[in-house]
Amino acid sequence: MRIDPLLRALSDPTRLRILRLLAHMELAVGELAQVLGQSQPRVSRHVRILCDAGLAERRKEGSWVFLRNATSESSGPPLARAAARLLTVAEQDDALFAEQCGEDRRHLAAIRAAREASAIAYFARHAQEWDKLRSLHMPDAPVEAALEAMLTKAPLGALLDVGTGTGRMAELLAPHADRVTGLDKSPDMLRIARARLQALPADKIDLVQGDFGALPFADGSFDSVLFHQVLHYAQDPGTVLAEAARVARPDARIAVVDFAAHDREELRERHAHARLGFSDEQMLGLLSECGFDAEPPLALAGNPLTIKIWTAHKRPAGSSAANSRKQETLSQ
């Protein structure tokens, strides 16, 4: 890393604000433009300078571009780590800069809250027809058969079904689990799930209203965690998977069923998708960062989209280096 481009990148107040936002989460360039109150082309120029300096990284997803920190105070080249520490200290010591950064984060929270409200309204409108909508891009039967075969090689124990929707996955996997907890943010979905699962013994199923970004469960509560066609609704998938890791017991198993990366932009507007699927590299990286050791994923080709099933185990503490190499091998 060279000092000249780094200092040039740090010489603009807008770029400093971008870096402080990225210190908290990955963001779409369009979100940055809204928060900063600037045009997207102008923000894109700032992004290019930050990326050229090695302080940020781009990731294209359909017509959207996401931006993330390329470094932190504890990782990356020494110059970049020093820059990250400098900005942290600046927000602590410079009252005007701290006020601006706080306002940026509040504005971002408001933007995301509006999008979340739109998604909640979408789920409420379509709760009755949800299973039909979910199968538009591939029939449910082969996906369910593959998932059941992959997950039931060993008992599921206490299973958390995140984004349970109408309760179909809870119904399918209940015979293989000691207890199933279905979580969903939509009361309309939970109402349908309760009707669907009412024949199960009361001590077998628990339906909970809650947010997958802040799970209402104690650490180490579950032996298995499932995300079935749910993670693409997450604006910050890393935070959601980190919450899953928190509530998972040592050696717990996680399964993520979702679309492979695609470019069907209409799913953002018509069906409230926040992410256009996931590449293997992206998903394996997210799982590894959250403390999971991934297994080879399974691909189920549909028309026009491909469904992927990623499974992993929560790794023991202290084995991150070896498992990072494993993730690199799996993604190749």
C-alpha atoms as a PDB file:
ATOM      1  CA  MET A   1       0.000   0.000   0.000  1.00  0.00           C
ATOM      2  CA  ARG A   2       1.280   3.477  -0.924  1.00  0.00           C
ATOM      3  CA  ILE A   3       0.950   6.544   1.284  1.00  0.00           C
ATOM      4  CA  ASP A   4       0.084   9.073  -1.468  1.00  0.00           C
ATOM      5  CA  PRO A   5      -3.237   7.523  -2.609  1.00  0.00           C
ATOM      6  CA  LEU A   6      -4.172   6.780   0.990  1.00  0.00           C
ATOM      7  CA  LEU A   7      -3.668  10.396   2.084  1.00  0.00           C
ATOM      8  CA  ARG A   8      -5.560  11.614  -0.988  1.00  0.00           C
ATOM      9  CA  ALA A   9      -8.444   9.302  -0.101  1.00  0.00           C
ATOM     10  CA  LEU A  10      -8.514  10.686   3.440  1.00  0.00           C
ATOM     11  CA  SER A  11      -8.384  14.318   2.315  1.00  0.00           C
ATOM     12  CA  ASP A  12     -12.123  14.637   1.574  1.00  0.00           C
ATOM     13  CA  PRO A  13     -14.793  14.890   4.334  1.00  0.00           C
ATOM     14  CA  THR A  14     -17.302  12.862   2.317  1.00  0.00           C
ATOM     15  CA  ARG A  15     -14.900   9.957   2.006  1.00  0.00           C
ATOM     16  CA  LEU A  16     -14.236  10.077   5.749  1.00  0.00           C
ATOM     17  CA  ARG A  17     -17.986   9.809   6.347  1.00  0.00           C
ATOM     18  CA  ILE A  18     -18.200   6.852   3.949  1.00  0.00           C
ATOM     19  CA  LEU A  19     -15.411   5.029   5.783  1.00  0.00           C
ATOM     20  CA  ARG A  20     -17.114   5.517   9.155  1.00  0.00           C
ATOM     21  CA  LEU A  21     -20.361   4.097   7.750  1.00  0.00           C
ATOM     22  CA  LEU A  22     -18.491   1.140   6.266  1.00  0.00           C
ATOM     23  CA  ALA A  23     -16.869   0.482   9.637  1.00  0.00           C
ATOM     24  CA  HIS A  24     -20.308  -0.722  10.763  1.00  0.00           C
ATOM     25  CA  MET A  25     -21.692  -2.580   7.745  1.00  0.00           C
ATOM     26  CA  GLU A  26     -21.554  -3.324   4.022  1.00  0.00           C
ATOM     27  CA  LEU A  27     -23.605  -0.769   2.093  1.00  0.00           C
ATOM     28  CA  ALA A  28     -25.052  -0.342  -1.364  1.00  0.00           C
ATOM     29  CA  VAL A  29     -23.699   2.677  -3.233  1.00  0.00           C
ATOM     30  CA  GLY A  30     -27.299   3.873  -3.645  1.00  0.00           C
ATOM     31  CA  GLU A  31     -27.728   3.814   0.146  1.00  0.00           C
ATOM     32  CA  LEU A  32     -24.586   5.892   0.539  1.00  0.00           C
ATOM     33  CA  ALA A  33     -25.905   8.412  -1.982  1.00  0.00           C
ATOM     34  CA  GLN A  34     -29.156   8.762  -0.004  1.00  0.00           C
ATOM     35  CA  VAL A  35     -27.378   9.150   3.335  1.00  0.00           C
ATOM     36  CA  LEU A  36     -24.860  11.668   1.990  1.00  0.00           C
ATOM     37  CA  GLY A  37     -27.441  13.617  -0.003  1.00  0.00           C
ATOM     38  CA  GLN A  38     -25.275  13.424  -3.132  1.00  0.00           C
ATOM     39  CA  SER A  39     -25.801  12.055  -6.628  1.00  0.00           C
ATOM     40  CA  GLN A  40     -24.885   8.436  -7.243  1.00  0.00           C
ATOM     41  CA  PRO A  41     -22.245   9.332  -9.900  1.00  0.00           C
ATOM     42  CA  ARG A  42     -20.543  11.643  -7.420  1.00  0.00           C
ATOM     43  CA  VAL A  43     -20.589   9.008  -4.691  1.00  0.00           C
ATOM     44  CA  SER A  44     -19.250   6.470  -7.185  1.00  0.00           C
ATOM     45  CA  ARG A  45     -16.252   8.734  -7.795  1.00  0.00           C
ATOM     46  CA  HIS A  46     -15.560   8.824  -4.059  1.00  0.00           C
ATOM     47  CA  VAL A  47     -15.913   5.039  -3.960  1.00  0.00           C
ATOM     48  CA  ARG A  48     -13.399   4.641  -6.791  1.00  0.00           C
ATOM     49  CA  ILE A  49     -10.827   6.724  -4.906  1.00  0.00           C
ATOM     50  CA  LEU A  50     -11.330   4.696  -1.710  1.00  0.00           C
ATOM     51  CA  CYS A  51     -11.004   1.422  -3.605  1.00  0.00           C
ATOM     52  CA  ASP A  52      -7.903   2.608  -5.489  1.00  0.00           C
ATOM     53  CA  ALA A  53      -6.336   3.472  -2.129  1.00  0.00           C
ATOM     54  CA  GLY A  54      -7.074  -0.016  -0.790  1.00  0.00           C
ATOM     55  CA  LEU A  55      -9.466   1.228   1.895  1.00  0.00           C
ATOM     56  CA  ALA A  56     -12.674  -0.247   0.437  1.00  0.00           C
ATOM     57  CA  GLU A  57     -13.802  -3.049  -1.866  1.00  0.00           C
ATOM     58  CA  ARG A  58     -16.636  -3.180  -4.409  1.00  0.00           C
ATOM     59  CA  ARG A  59     -18.965  -6.121  -5.034  1.00  0.00           C
ATOM     60  CA  LYS A  60     -21.421  -6.013  -7.951  1.00  0.00           C
ATOM     61  CA  GLU A  61     -24.822  -7.632  -7.526  1.00  0.00           C
ATOM     62  CA  GLY A  62     -27.071  -7.245 -10.548  1.00  0.00           C
ATOM     63  CA  SER A  63     -27.307  -3.518 -11.235  1.00  0.00           C
ATOM     64  CA  TRP A  64     -26.368  -2.662  -7.638  1.00  0.00           C
ATOM     65  CA  VAL A  65     -22.850  -2.178  -6.285  1.00  0.00           C
ATOM     66  CA  PHE A  66     -22.100  -2.942  -2.643  1.00  0.00           C
ATOM     67  CA  LEU A  67     -19.158  -1.490  -0.775  1.00  0.00           C
ATOM     68  CA  ARG A  68     -17.343  -2.886   2.237  1.00  0.00           C
ATOM     69  CA  ASN A  69     -14.296  -2.058   4.302  1.00  0.00           C
ATOM     70  CA  ALA A  70     -11.108  -3.586   2.926  1.00  0.00           C
ATOM     71  CA  THR A  71      -9.373  -3.214   6.271  1.00  0.00           C
ATOM     72  CA  SER A  72      -9.963  -2.635   9.974  1.00  0.00           C
ATOM     73  CA  GLU A  73      -7.992  -1.637  13.043  1.00  0.00           C
ATOM     74  CA  SER A  74      -6.918  -5.253  13.485  1.00  0.00           C
ATOM     75  CA  SER A  75      -6.474  -6.529   9.932  1.00  0.00           C
ATOM     76  CA  GLY A  76      -5.006  -5.336   6.645  1.00  0.00           C
ATOM     77  CA  PRO A  77      -1.791  -3.507   5.709  1.00  0.00           C
ATOM     78  CA  PRO A  78      -0.205  -1.385   8.479  1.00  0.00           C
ATOM     79  CA  LEU A  79      -1.025   1.921   6.751  1.00  0.00           C
ATOM     80  CA  ALA A  80      -4.680   0.962   6.343  1.00  0.00           C
ATOM     81  CA  ARG A  81      -4.919  -0.193   9.954  1.00  0.00           C
ATOM     82  CA  ALA A  82      -3.449   3.139  11.040  1.00  0.00           C
ATOM     83  CA  ALA A  83      -6.047   4.986   8.952  1.00  0.00           C
ATOM     84  CA  ALA A  84      -8.869   2.977  10.549  1.00  0.00           C
ATOM     85  CA  ARG A  85      -7.535   3.767  14.046  1.00  0.00           C
ATOM     86  CA  LEU A  86      -7.214   7.444  13.130  1.00  0.00           C
ATOM     87  CA  LEU A  87     -10.867   7.670  12.096  1.00  0.00           C
ATOM     88  CA  THR A  88     -12.023   5.905  15.257  1.00  0.00           C
ATOM     89  CA  VAL A  89     -10.054   8.373  17.389  1.00  0.00           C
ATOM     90  CA  ALA A  90     -11.312  11.277  15.270  1.00  0.00           C
ATOM     91  CA  GLU A  91     -14.931  10.357  15.974  1.00  0.00           C
ATOM     92  CA  GLN A  92     -14.137  10.173  19.683  1.00  0.00           C
ATOM     93  CA  ASP A  93     -12.162  13.428  19.828  1.00  0.00           C
ATOM     94  CA  ASP A  94     -13.660  15.706  17.135  1.00  0.00           C
ATOM     95  CA  ALA A  95     -17.125  16.767  18.273  1.00  0.00           C
ATOM     96  CA  LEU A  96     -18.258  18.084  14.865  1.00  0.00           C
ATOM     97  CA  PHE A  97     -17.078  14.942  13.061  1.00  0.00           C
ATOM     98  CA  ALA A  98     -18.765  12.741  15.677  1.00  0.00           C
ATOM     99  CA  GLU A  99     -22.020  14.663  15.270  1.00  0.00           C
ATOM    100  CA  GLN A 100     -21.918  14.236  11.480  1.00  0.00           C
ATOM    101  CA  CYS A 101     -21.137  10.514  11.743  1.00  0.00           C
ATOM    102  CA  GLY A 102     -23.970  10.012  14.219  1.00  0.00           C
ATOM    103  CA  GLU A 103     -26.404  11.828  11.956  1.00  0.00           C
ATOM    104  CA  ASP A 104     -25.284   9.698   8.983  1.00  0.00           C
ATOM    105  CA  ARG A 105     -25.978   6.514  10.938  1.00  0.00           C
ATOM    106  CA  ARG A 106     -29.398   7.781  12.036  1.00  0.00           C
ATOM    107  CA  HIS A 107     -30.257   8.691   8.428  1.00  0.00           C
ATOM    108  CA  LEU A 108     -29.161   5.241   7.247  1.00  0.00           C
ATOM    109  CA  ALA A 109     -31.281   3.594   9.956  1.00  0.00           C
ATOM    110  CA  ALA A 110     -34.312   5.583   8.762  1.00  0.00           C
ATOM    111  CA  ILE A 111     -33.738   4.542   5.132  1.00  0.00           C
ATOM    112  CA  ARG A 112     -33.451   0.899   6.106  1.00  0.00           C
ATOM    113  CA  ALA A 113     -36.473   1.104   8.401  1.00  0.00           C
ATOM    114  CA  ALA A 114     -38.576   2.390   5.487  1.00  0.00           C
ATOM    115  CA  ARG A 115     -37.433  -0.511   3.313  1.00  0.00           C
ATOM    116  CA  GLU A 116     -38.142  -2.963   6.126  1.00  0.00           C
ATOM    117  CA  ALA A 117     -41.642  -1.547   6.552  1.00  0.00           C
ATOM    118  CA  SER A 118     -42.221  -2.037   2.837  1.00  0.00           C
ATOM    119  CA  ALA A 119     -41.071  -5.658   3.102  1.00  0.00           C
ATOM    120  CA  ILE A 120     -43.337  -6.287   6.107  1.00  0.00           C
ATOM    121  CA  ALA A 121     -46.288  -4.905   4.154  1.00  0.00           C
ATOM    122  CA  TYR A 122     -45.387  -7.193   1.259  1.00  0.00           C
ATOM    123  CA  PHE A 123     -45.372 -10.283   3.510  1.00  0.00           C
ATOM    124  CA  ALA A 124     -48.708  -9.255   5.027  1.00  0.00           C
ATOM    125  CA  ARG A 125     -50.280  -8.888   1.573  1.00  0.00           C
ATOM    126  CA  HIS A 126     -49.009 -12.236   0.326  1.00  0.00           C
ATOM    127  CA  ALA A 127     -49.111 -14.440   3.423  1.00  0.00           C
ATOM    128  CA  GLN A 128     -52.048 -16.527   2.168  1.00  0.00           C
ATOM    129  CA  GLU A 129     -50.332 -17.324  -1.147  1.00  0.00           C
ATOM    130  CA  TRP A 130     -46.762 -17.497   0.171  1.00  0.00           C
ATOM    131  CA  ASP A 131     -46.023 -21.156  -0.610  1.00  0.00           C
ATOM    132  CA  LYS A 132     -47.173 -20.652  -4.202  1.00  0.00           C
ATOM    133  CA  LEU A 133     -45.058 -17.511  -4.627  1.00  0.00           C
ATOM    134  CA  ARG A 134     -41.993 -19.226  -3.197  1.00  0.00           C
ATOM    135  CA  SER A 135     -42.200 -22.013  -5.768  1.00  0.00           C
ATOM    136  CA  LEU A 136     -42.386 -19.712  -8.819  1.00  0.00           C
ATOM    137  CA  HIS A 137     -38.731 -20.256  -9.734  1.00  0.00           C
ATOM    138  CA  MET A 138     -38.418 -23.948  -8.824  1.00  0.00           C
ATOM    139  CA  PRO A 139     -40.803 -26.613  -7.499  1.00  0.00           C
ATOM    140  CA  ASP A 140     -40.576 -27.122  -3.752  1.00  0.00           C
ATOM    141  CA  ALA A 141     -40.477 -30.924  -3.810  1.00  0.00           C
ATOM    142  CA  PRO A 142     -36.875 -31.507  -5.046  1.00  0.00           C
ATOM    143  CA  VAL A 143     -35.528 -28.772  -2.778  1.00  0.00           C
ATOM    144  CA  GLU A 144     -37.316 -30.153   0.256  1.00  0.00           C
ATOM    145  CA  ALA A 145     -36.197 -33.708  -0.514  1.00  0.00           C
ATOM    146  CA  ALA A 146     -32.567 -32.653  -0.883  1.00  0.00           C
ATOM    147  CA  LEU A 147     -32.658 -30.532   2.284  1.00  0.00           C
ATOM    148  CA  GLU A 148     -34.285 -33.275   4.339  1.00  0.00           C
ATOM    149  CA  ALA A 149     -31.706 -35.816   3.136  1.00  0.00           C
ATOM    150  CA  MET A 150     -28.801 -33.497   3.969  1.00  0.00           C
ATOM    151  CA  LEU A 151     -30.061 -32.462   7.397  1.00  0.00           C
ATOM    152  CA  THR A 152     -31.400 -35.712   8.780  1.00  0.00           C
ATOM    153  CA  LYS A 153     -28.244 -37.800   8.647  1.00  0.00           C
ATOM    154  CA  ALA A 154     -28.093 -37.060  12.375  1.00  0.00           C
ATOM    155  CA  PRO A 155     -30.815 -35.907  14.803  1.00  0.00           C
ATOM    156  CA  LEU A 156     -31.569 -32.201  14.577  1.00  0.00           C
ATOM    157  CA  GLY A 157     -32.050 -31.739  18.314  1.00  0.00           C
ATOM    158  CA  ALA A 158     -33.388 -28.259  19.075  1.00  0.00           C
ATOM    159  CA  LEU A 159     -34.040 -26.702  15.640  1.00  0.00           C
ATOM    160  CA  LEU A 160     -34.467 -23.004  14.937  1.00  0.00           C
ATOM    161  CA  ASP A 161     -36.327 -22.282  11.675  1.00  0.00           C
ATOM    162  CA  VAL A 162     -35.502 -18.633  10.942  1.00  0.00           C
ATOM    163  CA  GLY A 163     -38.171 -16.934   8.837  1.00  0.00           C
ATOM    164  CA  THR A 164     -40.528 -19.861   9.237  1.00  0.00           C
ATOM    165  CA  GLY A 165     -43.209 -18.216   7.067  1.00  0.00           C
ATOM    166  CA  THR A 166     -46.181 -20.557   6.751  1.00  0.00           C
ATOM    167  CA  GLY A 167     -44.416 -23.233   8.803  1.00  0.00           C
ATOM    168  CA  ARG A 168     -43.743 -25.619   5.919  1.00  0.00           C
ATOM    169  CA  MET A 169     -40.114 -26.348   6.912  1.00  0.00           C
ATOM    170  CA  ALA A 170     -41.071 -26.767  10.554  1.00  0.00           C
ATOM    171  CA  GLU A 171     -43.719 -29.270   9.476  1.00  0.00           C
ATOM    172  CA  LEU A 172     -41.254 -31.161   7.272  1.00  0.00           C
ATOM    173  CA  LEU A 173     -38.440 -31.383   9.822  1.00  0.00           C
ATOM    174  CA  ALA A 174     -40.398 -31.762  13.077  1.00  0.00           C
ATOM    175  CA  PRO A 175     -40.221 -35.603  12.964  1.00  0.00           C
ATOM    176  CA  HIS A 176     -36.416 -35.377  12.994  1.00  0.00           C
ATOM    177  CA  ALA A 177     -36.095 -32.790  15.791  1.00  0.00           C
ATOM    178  CA  ASP A 178     -36.611 -32.835  19.541  1.00  0.00           C
ATOM    179  CA  ARG A 179     -38.265 -29.434  19.289  1.00  0.00           C
ATOM    180  CA  VAL A 180     -38.752 -26.848  16.545  1.00  0.00           C
ATOM    181  CA  THR A 181     -38.788 -23.103  17.150  1.00  0.00           C
ATOM    182  CA  GLY A 182     -40.178 -21.158  14.213  1.00  0.00           C
ATOM    183  CA  LEU A 183     -39.338 -17.459  14.145  1.00  0.00           C
ATOM    184  CA  ASP A 184     -40.906 -14.862  11.867  1.00  0.00           C
ATOM    185  CA  LYS A 185     -41.378 -11.100  12.000  1.00  0.00           C
ATOM    186  CA  SER A 186     -44.765 -11.191  10.258  1.00  0.00           C
ATOM    187  CA  PRO A 187     -47.806 -11.853  12.485  1.00  0.00           C
ATOM    188  CA  ASP A 188     -49.759 -12.829   9.355  1.00  0.00           C
ATOM    189  CA  MET A 189     -47.234 -15.552   8.521  1.00  0.00           C
ATOM    190  CA  LEU A 190     -47.239 -16.830  12.107  1.00  0.00           C
ATOM    191  CA  ARG A 191     -51.033 -16.992  12.118  1.00  0.00           C
ATOM    192  CA  ILE A 192     -50.927 -19.302   9.085  1.00  0.00           C
ATOM    193  CA  ALA A 193     -48.066 -21.329  10.581  1.00  0.00           C
ATOM    194  CA  ARG A 194     -50.041 -21.890  13.803  1.00  0.00           C
ATOM    195  CA  ALA A 195     -52.975 -23.243  11.836  1.00  0.00           C
ATOM    196  CA  ARG A 196     -50.703 -25.489   9.807  1.00  0.00           C
ATOM    197  CA  LEU A 197     -48.822 -26.885  12.822  1.00  0.00           C
ATOM    198  CA  GLN A 198     -51.718 -27.198  15.276  1.00  0.00           C
ATOM    199  CA  ALA A 199     -51.700 -30.997  15.080  1.00  0.00           C
ATOM    200  CA  LEU A 200     -48.165 -31.195  16.486  1.00  0.00           C
ATOM    201  CA  PRO A 201     -47.766 -31.777  20.240  1.00  0.00           C
ATOM    202  CA  ALA A 202     -47.511 -28.533  22.185  1.00  0.00           C
ATOM    203  CA  ASP A 203     -44.068 -29.475  23.504  1.00  0.00           C
ATOM    204  CA  LYS A 204     -42.796 -30.076  19.957  1.00  0.00           C
ATOM    205  CA  ILE A 205     -43.281 -26.651  18.379  1.00  0.00           C
ATOM    206  CA  ASP A 206     -42.866 -23.054  19.470  1.00  0.00           C
ATOM    207  CA  LEU A 207     -43.685 -20.075  17.233  1.00  0.00           C
ATOM    208  CA  VAL A 208     -42.043 -16.767  18.087  1.00  0.00           C
ATOM    209  CA  GLN A 209     -42.380 -13.315  16.583  1.00  0.00           C
ATOM    210  CA  GLY A 210     -38.973 -11.671  16.237  1.00  0.00           C
ATOM    211  CA  ASP A 211     -36.285 -10.162  14.025  1.00  0.00           C
ATOM    212  CA  PHE A 212     -33.607 -12.373  12.474  1.00  0.00           C
ATOM    213  CA  GLY A 213     -31.092  -9.572  13.044  1.00  0.00           C
ATOM    214  CA  ALA A 214     -31.659  -9.634  16.822  1.00  0.00           C
ATOM    215  CA  LEU A 215     -32.792 -13.131  17.766  1.00  0.00           C
ATOM    216  CA  PRO A 216     -34.767 -13.234  21.045  1.00  0.00           C
ATOM    217  CA  PHE A 217     -32.926 -16.299  22.345  1.00  0.00           C
ATOM    218  CA  ALA A 218     -30.078 -16.962  24.761  1.00  0.00           C
ATOM    219  CA  ASP A 219     -26.586 -17.867  23.563  1.00  0.00           C
ATOM    220  CA  GLY A 220     -26.156 -21.539  22.690  1.00  0.00           C
ATOM    221  CA  SER A 221     -29.871 -22.410  22.562  1.00  0.00           C
ATOM    222  CA  PHE A 222     -30.030 -24.551  19.408  1.00  0.00           C
ATOM    223  CA  ASP A 223     -28.440 -27.642  17.861  1.00  0.00           C
ATOM    224  CA  SER A 224     -29.552 -26.774  14.305  1.00  0.00           C
ATOM    225  CA  VAL A 225     -30.402 -23.524  12.514  1.00  0.00           C
ATOM    226  CA  LEU A 226     -32.196 -23.259   9.157  1.00  0.00           C
ATOM    227  CA  PHE A 227     -32.588 -20.331   6.766  1.00  0.00           C
ATOM    228  CA  HIS A 228     -34.919 -21.474   3.984  1.00  0.00           C
ATOM    229  CA  GLN A 229     -35.311 -18.812   1.265  1.00  0.00           C
ATOM    230  CA  VAL A 230     -34.900 -16.126   3.919  1.00  0.00           C
ATOM    231  CA  LEU A 231     -31.389 -14.683   3.788  1.00  0.00           C
ATOM    232  CA  HIS A 232     -31.975 -12.784   0.542  1.00  0.00           C
ATOM    233  CA  TYR A 233     -34.329 -10.518   2.523  1.00  0.00           C
ATOM    234  CA  ALA A 234     -31.468  -9.460   4.826  1.00  0.00           C
ATOM    235  CA  GLN A 235     -29.926  -6.083   4.130  1.00  0.00           C
ATOM    236  CA  ASP A 236     -26.922  -7.198   6.182  1.00  0.00           C
ATOM    237  CA  PRO A 237     -26.586 -11.010   5.872  1.00  0.00           C
ATOM    238  CA  GLY A 238     -23.402 -11.030   7.965  1.00  0.00           C
ATOM    239  CA  THR A 239     -25.238  -9.653  11.001  1.00  0.00           C
ATOM    240  CA  VAL A 240     -28.028 -12.212  10.577  1.00  0.00           C
ATOM    241  CA  LEU A 241     -25.591 -15.133  10.355  1.00  0.00           C
ATOM    242  CA  ALA A 242     -23.620 -13.790  13.330  1.00  0.00           C
ATOM    243  CA  GLU A 243     -26.849 -13.893  15.351  1.00  0.00           C
ATOM    244  CA  ALA A 244     -27.382 -17.492  14.213  1.00  0.00           C
ATOM    245  CA  ALA A 245     -23.867 -18.335  15.386  1.00  0.00           C
ATOM    246  CA  ARG A 246     -24.557 -16.725  18.755  1.00  0.00           C
ATOM    247  CA  VAL A 247     -27.628 -18.856  19.488  1.00  0.00           C
ATOM    248  CA  ALA A 248     -26.029 -22.035  18.095  1.00  0.00           C
ATOM    249  CA  ARG A 249     -24.404 -24.542  20.441  1.00  0.00           C
ATOM    250  CA  PRO A 250     -20.860 -25.846  19.870  1.00  0.00           C
ATOM    251  CA  ASP A 251     -20.815 -28.077  16.754  1.00  0.00           C
ATOM    252  CA  ALA A 252     -24.355 -26.981  15.873  1.00  0.00           C
ATOM    253  CA  ARG A 253     -25.327 -27.329  12.242  1.00  0.00           C
ATOM    254  CA  ILE A 254     -26.578 -24.534  10.010  1.00  0.00           C
ATOM    255  CA  ALA A 255     -28.264 -24.826   6.615  1.00  0.00           C
ATOM    256  CA  VAL A 256     -28.909 -21.946   4.214  1.00  0.00           C
ATOM    257  CA  VAL A 257     -31.227 -22.575   1.267  1.00  0.00           C
ATOM    258  CA  ASP A 258     -31.253 -19.678  -1.156  1.00  0.00           C
ATOM    259  CA  PHE A 259     -30.776 -18.585  -4.743  1.00  0.00           C
ATOM    260  CA  ALA A 260     -27.391 -18.712  -6.401  1.00  0.00           C
ATOM    261  CA  ALA A 261     -26.221 -15.264  -7.504  1.00  0.00           C
ATOM    262  CA  HIS A 262     -28.430 -13.974 -10.341  1.00  0.00           C
ATOM    263  CA  ASP A 263     -29.440 -10.757 -12.106  1.00  0.00           C
ATOM    264  CA  ARG A 264     -33.241 -10.824 -11.876  1.00  0.00           C
ATOM    265  CA  GLU A 265     -33.687  -7.199 -10.819  1.00  0.00           C
ATOM    266  CA  GLU A 266     -37.479  -7.459 -10.682  1.00  0.00           C
ATOM    267  CA  LEU A 267     -37.191  -9.517  -7.501  1.00  0.00           C
ATOM    268  CA  ARG A 268     -36.014  -6.399  -5.662  1.00  0.00           C
ATOM    269  CA  GLU A 269     -39.065  -4.334  -6.591  1.00  0.00           C
ATOM    270  CA  ARG A 270     -41.790  -6.942  -6.932  1.00  0.00           C
ATOM    271  CA  HIS A 271     -40.838  -9.358  -4.150  1.00  0.00           C
ATOM    272  CA  ALA A 272     -38.861  -7.235  -1.646  1.00  0.00           C
ATOM    273  CA  HIS A 273     -35.562  -9.097  -2.112  1.00  0.00           C
ATOM    274  CA  ALA A 274     -32.627  -7.184  -0.634  1.00  0.00           C
ATOM    275  CA  ARG A 275     -30.018  -9.494  -2.231  1.00  0.00           C
ATOM    276  CA  LEU A 276     -29.955 -11.138  -5.651  1.00  0.00           C
ATOM    277  CA  GLY A 277     -28.826 -14.512  -4.354  1.00  0.00           C
ATOM    278  CA  PHE A 278     -25.330 -15.434  -3.202  1.00  0.00           C
ATOM    279  CA  SER A 279     -22.193 -16.765  -4.845  1.00  0.00           C
ATOM    280  CA  ASP A 280     -20.385 -19.681  -3.212  1.00  0.00           C
ATOM    281  CA  GLU A 281     -17.452 -17.412  -2.468  1.00  0.00           C
ATOM    282  CA  GLN A 282     -19.673 -14.884  -0.744  1.00  0.00           C
ATOM    283  CA  MET A 283     -21.675 -17.404   1.287  1.00  0.00           C
ATOM    284  CA  LEU A 284     -18.665 -19.462   2.354  1.00  0.00           C
ATOM    285  CA  GLY A 285     -16.900 -16.268   3.378  1.00  0.00           C
ATOM    286  CA  LEU A 286     -19.886 -15.137   5.459  1.00  0.00           C
ATOM    287  CA  LEU A 287     -20.178 -18.510   7.173  1.00  0.00           C
ATOM    288  CA  SER A 288     -16.464 -18.628   7.923  1.00  0.00           C
ATOM    289  CA  GLU A 289     -16.450 -15.099   9.350  1.00  0.00           C
ATOM    290  CA  CYS A 290     -19.298 -16.095  11.668  1.00  0.00           C
ATOM    291  CA  GLY A 291     -17.477 -19.169  12.970  1.00  0.00           C
ATOM    292  CA  PHE A 292     -18.816 -21.980  10.793  1.00  0.00           C
ATOM    293  CA  ASP A 293     -16.946 -24.694   8.878  1.00  0.00           C
ATOM    294  CA  ALA A 294     -18.746 -25.184   5.571  1.00  0.00           C
ATOM    295  CA  GLU A 295     -19.319 -28.399   3.645  1.00  0.00           C
ATOM    296  CA  PRO A 296     -19.475 -28.580  -0.169  1.00  0.00           C
ATOM    297  CA  PRO A 297     -22.696 -26.860  -1.303  1.00  0.00           C
ATOM    298  CA  LEU A 298     -25.408 -28.529  -3.356  1.00  0.00           C
ATOM    299  CA  ALA A 299     -26.803 -26.890  -6.504  1.00  0.00           C
ATOM    300  CA  LEU A 300     -30.321 -27.584  -7.794  1.00  0.00           C
ATOM    301  CA  ALA A 301     -30.828 -26.084 -11.235  1.00  0.00           C
ATOM    302  CA  GLY A 302     -34.198 -24.434 -11.796  1.00  0.00           C
ATOM    303  CA  ASN A 303     -35.784 -22.326 -14.490  1.00  0.00           C
ATOM    304  CA  PRO A 304     -34.494 -19.671 -14.560  1.00  0.00           C
ATOM    305  CA  LEU A 305     -32.833 -19.614 -11.129  1.00  0.00           C
ATOM    306  CA  THR A 306     -30.592 -22.113  -9.384  1.00  0.00           C
ATOM    307  CA  ILE A 307     -31.184 -23.035  -5.758  1.00  0.00           C
ATOM    308  CA  LYS A 308     -28.156 -23.661  -3.542  1.00  0.00           C
ATOM    309  CA  ILE A 309     -28.011 -25.459  -0.204  1.00  0.00           C
ATOM    310  CA  TRP A 310     -25.048 -24.494   1.972  1.00  0.00           C
ATOM    311  CA  THR A 311     -24.450 -26.436   5.186  1.00  0.00           C
ATOM    312  CA  ALA A 312     -21.854 -25.943   7.905  1.00  0.00           C
ATOM    313  CA  HIS A 313     -20.947 -26.765  11.503  1.00  0.00           C
ATOM    314  CA  LYS A 314     -20.119 -24.237  14.182  1.00  0.00           C
ATOM    315  CA  ARG A 315     -16.387 -24.563  14.675  1.00  0.00           C
ATOM    316  CA  PRO A 316     -14.618 -24.983  18.016  1.00  0.00           C
ATOM    317  CA  ALA A 317     -12.880 -21.887  19.324  1.00  0.00           C
ATOM    318  CA  GLY A 318      -9.283 -21.363  18.246  1.00  0.00           C
ATOM    319  CA  SER A 319      -9.362 -23.065  14.838  1.00  0.00           C
ATOM    320  CA  SER A 320      -9.959 -20.088  12.519  1.00  0.00           C
ATOM    321  CA  ALA A 321      -6.721 -20.217  10.541  1.00  0.00           C
ATOM    322  CA  ALA A 322      -7.066 -23.796   9.377  1.00  0.00           C
ATOM    323  CA  ASN A 323     -10.700 -23.339   8.532  1.00  0.00           C
ATOM    324  CA  SER A 324     -10.112 -20.174   6.515  1.00  0.00           C
ATOM    325  CA  ARG A 325      -7.940 -22.277   4.229  1.00  0.00           C
ATOM    326  CA  LYS A 326     -10.751 -24.835   4.026  1.00  0.00           C
ATOM    327  CA  GLN A 327     -13.258 -22.181   2.938  1.00  0.00           C
ATOM    328  CA  GLU A 328     -10.859 -20.984   0.204  1.00  0.00           C
ATOM    329  CA  THR A 329     -10.616 -24.561  -1.097  1.00  0.00           C
ATOM    330  CA  LEU A 330     -14.405 -25.042  -1.098  1.00  0.00           C
ATOM    331  CA  SER A 331     -15.015 -21.812  -3.015  1.00  0.00           C
ATOM    332  CA  GLN A 332     -12.604 -22.631  -5.814  1.00  0.00           C
END
